[in-house]
């Protein structure tokens, strides 16, 4: 490979994983935003005030499960149980 093309090839090789990571981070942000909205709505419907950190814990759990390959319903169910054990209200 010509020395002039090496920086271009390295730049392209690095851009693909960075682009994929940015999309994954964007998806994670969307999952968290939807989760937080649903969490706040559910707490409001049942008339409870969640303790500090509960929403973040629950939604971080959902995001991590989805990133690991779980479906939305499976992630929601597992994280709901884990959150209820950590934050019994």
PDB file of N, CA and C in Angstrom:
ATOM      1  N   UNK A   1       0.857  -1.174   0.000  1.00  0.00           N
ATOM      2  CA  UNK A   1       0.000   0.000   0.000  1.00  0.00           C
ATOM      3  C   UNK A   1       0.895   1.226   0.000  1.00  0.00           C
ATOM      4  N   UNK A   2       0.508   2.206  -0.792  1.00  0.00           N
ATOM      5  CA  UNK A   2       1.283   3.443  -0.876  1.00  0.00           C
ATOM      6  C   UNK A   2       1.157   4.201   0.436  1.00  0.00           C
ATOM      7  N   UNK A   3       2.242   4.865   0.869  1.00  0.00           N
ATOM      8  CA  UNK A   3       2.193   5.609   2.130  1.00  0.00           C
ATOM      9  C   UNK A   3       1.091   6.657   2.172  1.00  0.00           C
ATOM     10  N   UNK A   4       0.722   7.221   1.038  1.00  0.00           N
ATOM     11  CA  UNK A   4      -0.314   8.251   1.016  1.00  0.00           C
ATOM     12  C   UNK A   4      -1.681   7.630   1.311  1.00  0.00           C
ATOM     13  N   UNK A   5      -1.899   6.398   0.898  1.00  0.00           N
ATOM     14  CA  UNK A   5      -3.185   5.740   1.096  1.00  0.00           C
ATOM     15  C   UNK A   5      -3.344   5.156   2.494  1.00  0.00           C
ATOM     16  N   UNK A   6      -2.235   4.935   3.192  1.00  0.00           N
ATOM     17  CA  UNK A   6      -2.304   4.335   4.529  1.00  0.00           C
ATOM     18  C   UNK A   6      -3.154   5.155   5.500  1.00  0.00           C
ATOM     19  N   UNK A   7      -2.952   6.478   5.617  1.00  0.00           N
ATOM     20  CA  UNK A   7      -3.815   7.242   6.527  1.00  0.00           C
ATOM     21  C   UNK A   7      -5.289   7.162   6.136  1.00  0.00           C
ATOM     22  N   UNK A   8      -5.578   7.141   4.842  1.00  0.00           N
ATOM     23  CA  UNK A   8      -6.963   7.038   4.392  1.00  0.00           C
ATOM     24  C   UNK A   8      -7.553   5.693   4.791  1.00  0.00           C
ATOM     25  N   UNK A   9      -6.796   4.614   4.588  1.00  0.00           N
ATOM     26  CA  UNK A   9      -7.279   3.278   4.948  1.00  0.00           C
ATOM     27  C   UNK A   9      -7.490   3.168   6.456  1.00  0.00           C
ATOM     28  N   UNK A  10      -6.567   3.698   7.248  1.00  0.00           N
ATOM     29  CA  UNK A  10      -6.717   3.661   8.703  1.00  0.00           C
ATOM     30  C   UNK A  10      -7.917   4.486   9.149  1.00  0.00           C
ATOM     31  N   UNK A  11      -8.098   5.621   8.524  1.00  0.00           N
ATOM     32  CA  UNK A  11      -9.238   6.470   8.862  1.00  0.00           C
ATOM     33  C   UNK A  11     -10.553   5.767   8.585  1.00  0.00           C
ATOM     34  N   UNK A  12     -10.653   5.083   7.453  1.00  0.00           N
ATOM     35  CA  UNK A  12     -11.870   4.349   7.123  1.00  0.00           C
ATOM     36  C   UNK A  12     -12.085   3.181   8.076  1.00  0.00           C
ATOM     37  N   UNK A  13     -11.009   2.495   8.425  1.00  0.00           N
ATOM     38  CA  UNK A  13     -11.128   1.356   9.338  1.00  0.00           C
ATOM     39  C   UNK A  13     -11.604   1.804  10.710  1.00  0.00           C
ATOM     40  N   UNK A  14     -11.158   2.952  11.155  1.00  0.00           N
ATOM     41  CA  UNK A  14     -11.582   3.458  12.455  1.00  0.00           C
ATOM     42  C   UNK A  14     -12.976   4.071  12.410  1.00  0.00           C
ATOM     43  N   UNK A  15     -13.367   4.602  11.277  1.00  0.00           N
ATOM     44  CA  UNK A  15     -14.666   5.268  11.169  1.00  0.00           C
ATOM     45  C   UNK A  15     -15.824   4.293  11.281  1.00  0.00           C
ATOM     46  N   UNK A  16     -15.678   3.091  10.789  1.00  0.00           N
ATOM     47  CA  UNK A  16     -16.779   2.130  10.832  1.00  0.00           C
ATOM     48  C   UNK A  16     -17.141   1.763  12.262  1.00  0.00           C
ATOM     49  N   UNK A  17     -16.182   1.336  13.106  1.00  0.00           N
ATOM     50  CA  UNK A  17     -16.567   1.031  14.483  1.00  0.00           C
ATOM     51  C   UNK A  17     -17.078   2.251  15.244  1.00  0.00           C
ATOM     52  N   UNK A  18     -16.514   3.421  14.982  1.00  0.00           N
ATOM     53  CA  UNK A  18     -16.981   4.621  15.664  1.00  0.00           C
ATOM     54  C   UNK A  18     -18.404   4.953  15.245  1.00  0.00           C
ATOM     55  N   UNK A  19     -18.722   4.785  13.975  1.00  0.00           N
ATOM     56  CA  UNK A  19     -20.080   5.027  13.497  1.00  0.00           C
ATOM     57  C   UNK A  19     -21.063   4.051  14.113  1.00  0.00           C
ATOM     58  N   UNK A  20     -20.661   2.786  14.206  1.00  0.00           N
ATOM     59  CA  UNK A  20     -21.528   1.776  14.817  1.00  0.00           C
ATOM     60  C   UNK A  20     -21.741   2.082  16.289  1.00  0.00           C
ATOM     61  N   UNK A  21     -20.689   2.514  16.948  1.00  0.00           N
ATOM     62  CA  UNK A  21     -20.826   2.859  18.365  1.00  0.00           C
ATOM     63  C   UNK A  21     -21.753   4.060  18.556  1.00  0.00           C
ATOM     64  N   UNK A  22     -21.630   5.041  17.688  1.00  0.00           N
ATOM     65  CA  UNK A  22     -22.498   6.221  17.790  1.00  0.00           C
ATOM     66  C   UNK A  22     -23.953   5.820  17.599  1.00  0.00           C
ATOM     67  N   UNK A  23     -24.213   4.899  16.651  1.00  0.00           N
ATOM     68  CA  UNK A  23     -25.586   4.441  16.454  1.00  0.00           C
ATOM     69  C   UNK A  23     -26.066   3.677  17.680  1.00  0.00           C
ATOM     70  N   UNK A  24     -25.202   2.845  18.267  1.00  0.00           N
ATOM     71  CA  UNK A  24     -25.579   2.087  19.465  1.00  0.00           C
ATOM     72  C   UNK A  24     -25.846   3.034  20.626  1.00  0.00           C
ATOM     73  N   UNK A  25     -25.004   4.055  20.766  1.00  0.00           N
ATOM     74  CA  UNK A  25     -25.230   5.038  21.830  1.00  0.00           C
ATOM     75  C   UNK A  25     -26.533   5.790  21.592  1.00  0.00           C
ATOM     76  N   UNK A  26     -26.814   6.118  20.337  1.00  0.00           N
ATOM     77  CA  UNK A  26     -28.063   6.795  20.007  1.00  0.00           C
ATOM     78  C   UNK A  26     -29.257   5.923  20.341  1.00  0.00           C
ATOM     79  N   UNK A  27     -29.163   4.646  20.016  1.00  0.00           N
ATOM     80  CA  UNK A  27     -30.235   3.717  20.335  1.00  0.00           C
ATOM     81  C   UNK A  27     -30.393   3.594  21.851  1.00  0.00           C
ATOM     82  N   UNK A  28     -29.271   3.525  22.559  1.00  0.00           N
ATOM     83  CA  UNK A  28     -29.317   3.462  24.020  1.00  0.00           C
ATOM     84  C   UNK A  28     -30.008   4.671  24.617  1.00  0.00           C
ATOM     85  N   UNK A  29     -29.727   5.843  24.045  1.00  0.00           N
ATOM     86  CA  UNK A  29     -30.375   7.073  24.526  1.00  0.00           C
ATOM     87  C   UNK A  29     -31.875   7.045  24.270  1.00  0.00           C
ATOM     88  N   UNK A  30     -32.263   6.498  23.129  1.00  0.00           N
ATOM     89  CA  UNK A  30     -33.693   6.398  22.814  1.00  0.00           C
ATOM     90  C   UNK A  30     -34.371   5.426  23.764  1.00  0.00           C
ATOM     91  N   UNK A  31     -33.734   4.278  23.999  1.00  0.00           N
ATOM     92  CA  UNK A  31     -34.295   3.285  24.920  1.00  0.00           C
ATOM     93  C   UNK A  31     -34.476   3.897  26.300  1.00  0.00           C
ATOM     94  N   UNK A  32     -33.456   4.614  26.777  1.00  0.00           N
ATOM     95  CA  UNK A  32     -33.547   5.240  28.098  1.00  0.00           C
ATOM     96  C   UNK A  32     -34.647   6.288  28.155  1.00  0.00           C
ATOM     97  N   UNK A  33     -34.768   7.101  27.108  1.00  0.00           N
ATOM     98  CA  UNK A  33     -35.791   8.149  27.099  1.00  0.00           C
ATOM     99  C   UNK A  33     -37.192   7.548  27.133  1.00  0.00           C
ATOM    100  N   UNK A  34     -37.423   6.513  26.333  1.00  0.00           N
ATOM    101  CA  UNK A  34     -38.737   5.867  26.318  1.00  0.00           C
ATOM    102  C   UNK A  34     -38.994   5.194  27.663  1.00  0.00           C
ATOM    103  N   UNK A  35     -37.975   4.545  28.193  1.00  0.00           N
ATOM    104  CA  UNK A  35     -38.106   3.869  29.481  1.00  0.00           C
ATOM    105  C   UNK A  35     -38.434   4.862  30.587  1.00  0.00           C
ATOM    106  N   UNK A  36     -37.714   5.967  30.649  1.00  0.00           N
ATOM    107  CA  UNK A  36     -37.959   6.963  31.694  1.00  0.00           C
ATOM    108  C   UNK A  36     -39.366   7.538  31.597  1.00  0.00           C
ATOM    109  N   UNK A  37     -39.825   7.765  30.381  1.00  0.00           N
ATOM    110  CA  UNK A  37     -41.176   8.271  30.188  1.00  0.00           C
ATOM    111  C   UNK A  37     -42.205   7.249  30.683  1.00  0.00           C
ATOM    112  N   UNK A  38     -42.017   5.987  30.311  1.00  0.00           N
ATOM    113  CA  UNK A  38     -42.941   4.934  30.749  1.00  0.00           C
ATOM    114  C   UNK A  38     -42.892   4.766  32.261  1.00  0.00           C
ATOM    115  N   UNK A  39     -41.695   4.848  32.824  1.00  0.00           N
ATOM    116  CA  UNK A  39     -41.519   4.706  34.266  1.00  0.00           C
ATOM    117  C   UNK A  39     -42.278   5.811  35.006  1.00  0.00           C
ATOM    118  N   UNK A  40     -42.061   7.050  34.578  1.00  0.00           N
ATOM    119  CA  UNK A  40     -42.729   8.185  35.224  1.00  0.00           C
ATOM    120  C   UNK A  40     -44.247   8.077  35.085  1.00  0.00           C
ATOM    121  N   UNK A  41     -44.702   7.652  33.923  1.00  0.00           N
ATOM    122  CA  UNK A  41     -46.134   7.491  33.689  1.00  0.00           C
ATOM    123  C   UNK A  41     -46.715   6.420  34.610  1.00  0.00           C
ATOM    124  N   UNK A  42     -46.026   5.302  34.718  1.00  0.00           N
ATOM    125  CA  UNK A  42     -46.515   4.212  35.566  1.00  0.00           C
ATOM    126  C   UNK A  42     -46.548   4.624  37.038  1.00  0.00           C
ATOM    127  N   UNK A  43     -45.525   5.300  37.496  1.00  0.00           N
ATOM    128  CA  UNK A  43     -45.492   5.762  38.888  1.00  0.00           C
ATOM    129  C   UNK A  43     -46.634   6.750  39.142  1.00  0.00           C
ATOM    130  N   UNK A  44     -46.884   7.601  38.179  1.00  0.00           N
ATOM    131  CA  UNK A  44     -47.965   8.568  38.304  1.00  0.00           C
ATOM    132  C   UNK A  44     -49.330   7.862  38.372  1.00  0.00           C
ATOM    133  N   UNK A  45     -49.505   6.851  37.537  1.00  0.00           N
ATOM    134  CA  UNK A  45     -50.774   6.121  37.511  1.00  0.00           C
ATOM    135  C   UNK A  45     -51.066   5.403  38.828  1.00  0.00           C
ATOM    136  N   UNK A  46     -50.017   4.883  39.468  1.00  0.00           N
ATOM    137  CA  UNK A  46     -50.228   4.173  40.734  1.00  0.00           C
ATOM    138  C   UNK A  46     -50.113   5.104  41.934  1.00  0.00           C
ATOM    139  N   UNK A  47     -49.796   6.375  41.675  1.00  0.00           N
ATOM    140  CA  UNK A  47     -49.745   7.370  42.743  1.00  0.00           C
ATOM    141  C   UNK A  47     -48.583   7.196  43.703  1.00  0.00           C
ATOM    142  N   UNK A  48     -47.461   6.709  43.207  1.00  0.00           N
ATOM    143  CA  UNK A  48     -46.285   6.530  44.069  1.00  0.00           C
ATOM    144  C   UNK A  48     -45.160   7.446  43.629  1.00  0.00           C
ATOM    145  N   UNK A  49     -44.373   7.855  44.617  1.00  0.00           N
ATOM    146  CA  UNK A  49     -43.177   8.650  44.341  1.00  0.00           C
ATOM    147  C   UNK A  49     -41.984   7.711  44.491  1.00  0.00           C
ATOM    148  N   UNK A  50     -41.265   7.474  43.383  1.00  0.00           N
ATOM    149  CA  UNK A  50     -40.138   6.542  43.452  1.00  0.00           C
ATOM    150  C   UNK A  50     -38.962   7.142  44.215  1.00  0.00           C
ATOM    151  N   UNK A  51     -38.205   6.289  44.907  1.00  0.00           N
ATOM    152  CA  UNK A  51     -37.004   6.791  45.586  1.00  0.00           C
ATOM    153  C   UNK A  51     -35.954   7.242  44.572  1.00  0.00           C
ATOM    154  N   UNK A  52     -35.059   8.094  45.025  1.00  0.00           N
ATOM    155  CA  UNK A  52     -33.989   8.589  44.161  1.00  0.00           C
ATOM    156  C   UNK A  52     -33.184   7.413  43.599  1.00  0.00           C
ATOM    157  N   UNK A  53     -32.921   7.479  42.324  1.00  0.00           N
ATOM    158  CA  UNK A  53     -32.104   6.461  41.674  1.00  0.00           C
ATOM    159  C   UNK A  53     -32.878   5.301  41.075  1.00  0.00           C
ATOM    160  N   UNK A  54     -34.134   5.149  41.453  1.00  0.00           N
ATOM    161  CA  UNK A  54     -34.910   3.998  40.995  1.00  0.00           C
ATOM    162  C   UNK A  54     -35.116   4.018  39.482  1.00  0.00           C
ATOM    163  N   UNK A  55     -35.499   5.154  38.926  1.00  0.00           N
ATOM    164  CA  UNK A  55     -35.746   5.250  37.485  1.00  0.00           C
ATOM    165  C   UNK A  55     -34.468   4.982  36.705  1.00  0.00           C
ATOM    166  N   UNK A  56     -33.365   5.572  37.138  1.00  0.00           N
ATOM    167  CA  UNK A  56     -32.084   5.358  36.446  1.00  0.00           C
ATOM    168  C   UNK A  56     -31.667   3.903  36.495  1.00  0.00           C
ATOM    169  N   UNK A  57     -31.831   3.291  37.660  1.00  0.00           N
ATOM    170  CA  UNK A  57     -31.474   1.883  37.810  1.00  0.00           C
ATOM    171  C   UNK A  57     -32.295   1.023  36.851  1.00  0.00           C
ATOM    172  N   UNK A  58     -33.598   1.242  36.835  1.00  0.00           N
ATOM    173  CA  UNK A  58     -34.488   0.439  35.992  1.00  0.00           C
ATOM    174  C   UNK A  58     -34.170   0.623  34.513  1.00  0.00           C
ATOM    175  N   UNK A  59     -33.991   1.851  34.093  1.00  0.00           N
ATOM    176  CA  UNK A  59     -33.778   2.116  32.667  1.00  0.00           C
ATOM    177  C   UNK A  59     -32.375   1.759  32.204  1.00  0.00           C
ATOM    178  N   UNK A  60     -31.387   1.884  33.065  1.00  0.00           N
ATOM    179  CA  UNK A  60     -30.043   1.397  32.723  1.00  0.00           C
ATOM    180  C   UNK A  60     -30.078  -0.114  32.527  1.00  0.00           C
ATOM    181  N   UNK A  61     -30.824  -0.792  33.385  1.00  0.00           N
ATOM    182  CA  UNK A  61     -30.976  -2.237  33.285  1.00  0.00           C
ATOM    183  C   UNK A  61     -31.601  -2.619  31.945  1.00  0.00           C
ATOM    184  N   UNK A  62     -32.674  -1.943  31.572  1.00  0.00           N
ATOM    185  CA  UNK A  62     -33.354  -2.239  30.306  1.00  0.00           C
ATOM    186  C   UNK A  62     -32.405  -2.015  29.136  1.00  0.00           C
ATOM    187  N   UNK A  63     -31.699  -0.896  29.151  1.00  0.00           N
ATOM    188  CA  UNK A  63     -30.765  -0.599  28.061  1.00  0.00           C
ATOM    189  C   UNK A  63     -29.694  -1.684  27.957  1.00  0.00           C
ATOM    190  N   UNK A  64     -29.114  -2.065  29.083  1.00  0.00           N
ATOM    191  CA  UNK A  64     -28.061  -3.083  29.064  1.00  0.00           C
ATOM    192  C   UNK A  64     -28.581  -4.424  28.563  1.00  0.00           C
ATOM    193  N   UNK A  65     -29.769  -4.797  28.974  1.00  0.00           N
ATOM    194  CA  UNK A  65     -30.355  -6.069  28.522  1.00  0.00           C
ATOM    195  C   UNK A  65     -30.605  -6.054  27.021  1.00  0.00           C
ATOM    196  N   UNK A  66     -31.115  -4.944  26.518  1.00  0.00           N
ATOM    197  CA  UNK A  66     -31.376  -4.850  25.081  1.00  0.00           C
ATOM    198  C   UNK A  66     -30.068  -4.879  24.301  1.00  0.00           C
ATOM    199  N   UNK A  67     -29.052  -4.168  24.790  1.00  0.00           N
ATOM    200  CA  UNK A  67     -27.734  -4.207  24.131  1.00  0.00           C
ATOM    201  C   UNK A  67     -27.166  -5.627  24.121  1.00  0.00           C
ATOM    202  N   UNK A  68     -27.498  -6.400  25.152  1.00  0.00           N
ATOM    203  CA  UNK A  68     -26.994  -7.772  25.242  1.00  0.00           C
ATOM    204  C   UNK A  68     -27.801  -8.742  24.382  1.00  0.00           C
ATOM    205  N   UNK A  69     -28.871  -8.246  23.764  1.00  0.00           N
ATOM    206  CA  UNK A  69     -29.625  -9.081  22.848  1.00  0.00           C
ATOM    207  C   UNK A  69     -31.004  -9.506  23.308  1.00  0.00           C
ATOM    208  N   UNK A  70     -31.414  -9.087  24.490  1.00  0.00           N
ATOM    209  CA  UNK A  70     -32.761  -9.429  24.966  1.00  0.00           C
ATOM    210  C   UNK A  70     -33.805  -8.663  24.173  1.00  0.00           C
ATOM    211  N   UNK A  71     -34.982  -9.227  24.076  1.00  0.00           N
ATOM    212  CA  UNK A  71     -36.102  -8.517  23.500  1.00  0.00           C
ATOM    213  C   UNK A  71     -36.617  -7.487  24.490  1.00  0.00           C
ATOM    214  N   UNK A  72     -37.424  -6.591  24.016  1.00  0.00           N
ATOM    215  CA  UNK A  72     -37.929  -5.509  24.857  1.00  0.00           C
ATOM    216  C   UNK A  72     -38.738  -6.044  26.034  1.00  0.00           C
ATOM    217  N   UNK A  73     -39.653  -6.957  25.772  1.00  0.00           N
ATOM    218  CA  UNK A  73     -40.497  -7.487  26.845  1.00  0.00           C
ATOM    219  C   UNK A  73     -39.684  -8.270  27.872  1.00  0.00           C
ATOM    220  N   UNK A  74     -38.725  -9.063  27.401  1.00  0.00           N
ATOM    221  CA  UNK A  74     -37.882  -9.825  28.329  1.00  0.00           C
ATOM    222  C   UNK A  74     -37.052  -8.873  29.186  1.00  0.00           C
ATOM    223  N   UNK A  75     -36.478  -7.856  28.566  1.00  0.00           N
ATOM    224  CA  UNK A  75     -35.674  -6.874  29.304  1.00  0.00           C
ATOM    225  C   UNK A  75     -36.543  -6.154  30.327  1.00  0.00           C
ATOM    226  N   UNK A  76     -37.716  -5.758  29.904  1.00  0.00           N
ATOM    227  CA  UNK A  76     -38.634  -5.048  30.807  1.00  0.00           C
ATOM    228  C   UNK A  76     -39.013  -5.917  32.000  1.00  0.00           C
ATOM    229  N   UNK A  77     -39.341  -7.153  31.739  1.00  0.00           N
ATOM    230  CA  UNK A  77     -39.754  -8.059  32.815  1.00  0.00           C
ATOM    231  C   UNK A  77     -38.618  -8.329  33.803  1.00  0.00           C
ATOM    232  N   UNK A  78     -37.443  -8.645  33.288  1.00  0.00           N
ATOM    233  CA  UNK A  78     -36.296  -8.920  34.161  1.00  0.00           C
ATOM    234  C   UNK A  78     -35.902  -7.691  34.982  1.00  0.00           C
ATOM    235  N   UNK A  79     -35.914  -6.541  34.335  1.00  0.00           N
ATOM    236  CA  UNK A  79     -35.501  -5.316  35.025  1.00  0.00           C
ATOM    237  C   UNK A  79     -36.554  -4.837  36.012  1.00  0.00           C
ATOM    238  N   UNK A  80     -37.801  -5.079  35.707  1.00  0.00           N
ATOM    239  CA  UNK A  80     -38.867  -4.730  36.654  1.00  0.00           C
ATOM    240  C   UNK A  80     -38.684  -5.535  37.939  1.00  0.00           C
ATOM    241  N   UNK A  81     -38.394  -6.814  37.794  1.00  0.00           N
ATOM    242  CA  UNK A  81     -38.184  -7.683  38.965  1.00  0.00           C
ATOM    243  C   UNK A  81     -36.944  -7.248  39.747  1.00  0.00           C
ATOM    244  N   UNK A  82     -35.844  -6.988  39.035  1.00  0.00           N
ATOM    245  CA  UNK A  82     -34.601  -6.577  39.706  1.00  0.00           C
ATOM    246  C   UNK A  82     -34.784  -5.232  40.420  1.00  0.00           C
ATOM    247  N   UNK A  83     -35.514  -4.315  39.792  1.00  0.00           N
ATOM    248  CA  UNK A  83     -35.754  -3.012  40.397  1.00  0.00           C
ATOM    249  C   UNK A  83     -36.637  -3.135  41.634  1.00  0.00           C
ATOM    250  N   UNK A  84     -37.647  -3.977  41.564  1.00  0.00           N
ATOM    251  CA  UNK A  84     -38.553  -4.172  42.713  1.00  0.00           C
ATOM    252  C   UNK A  84     -37.806  -4.792  43.897  1.00  0.00           C
ATOM    253  N   UNK A  85     -36.829  -5.651  43.613  1.00  0.00           N
ATOM    254  CA  UNK A  85     -36.048  -6.248  44.696  1.00  0.00           C
ATOM    255  C   UNK A  85     -35.117  -5.208  45.325  1.00  0.00           C
ATOM    256  N   UNK A  86     -34.563  -4.343  44.497  1.00  0.00           N
ATOM    257  CA  UNK A  86     -33.618  -3.331  45.009  1.00  0.00           C
ATOM    258  C   UNK A  86     -34.343  -2.152  45.673  1.00  0.00           C
ATOM    259  N   UNK A  87     -35.484  -1.788  45.126  1.00  0.00           N
ATOM    260  CA  UNK A  87     -36.249  -0.639  45.614  1.00  0.00           C
ATOM    261  C   UNK A  87     -37.679  -1.081  45.971  1.00  0.00           C
ATOM    262  N   UNK A  88     -37.860  -1.785  47.054  1.00  0.00           N
ATOM    263  CA  UNK A  88     -39.228  -2.197  47.408  1.00  0.00           C
ATOM    264  C   UNK A  88     -40.042  -0.989  47.878  1.00  0.00           C
ATOM    265  N   UNK A  89     -41.076  -0.670  47.137  1.00  0.00           N
ATOM    266  CA  UNK A  89     -41.954   0.455  47.522  1.00  0.00           C
ATOM    267  C   UNK A  89     -43.377  -0.016  47.609  1.00  0.00           C
TER     268      UNK A  89
END
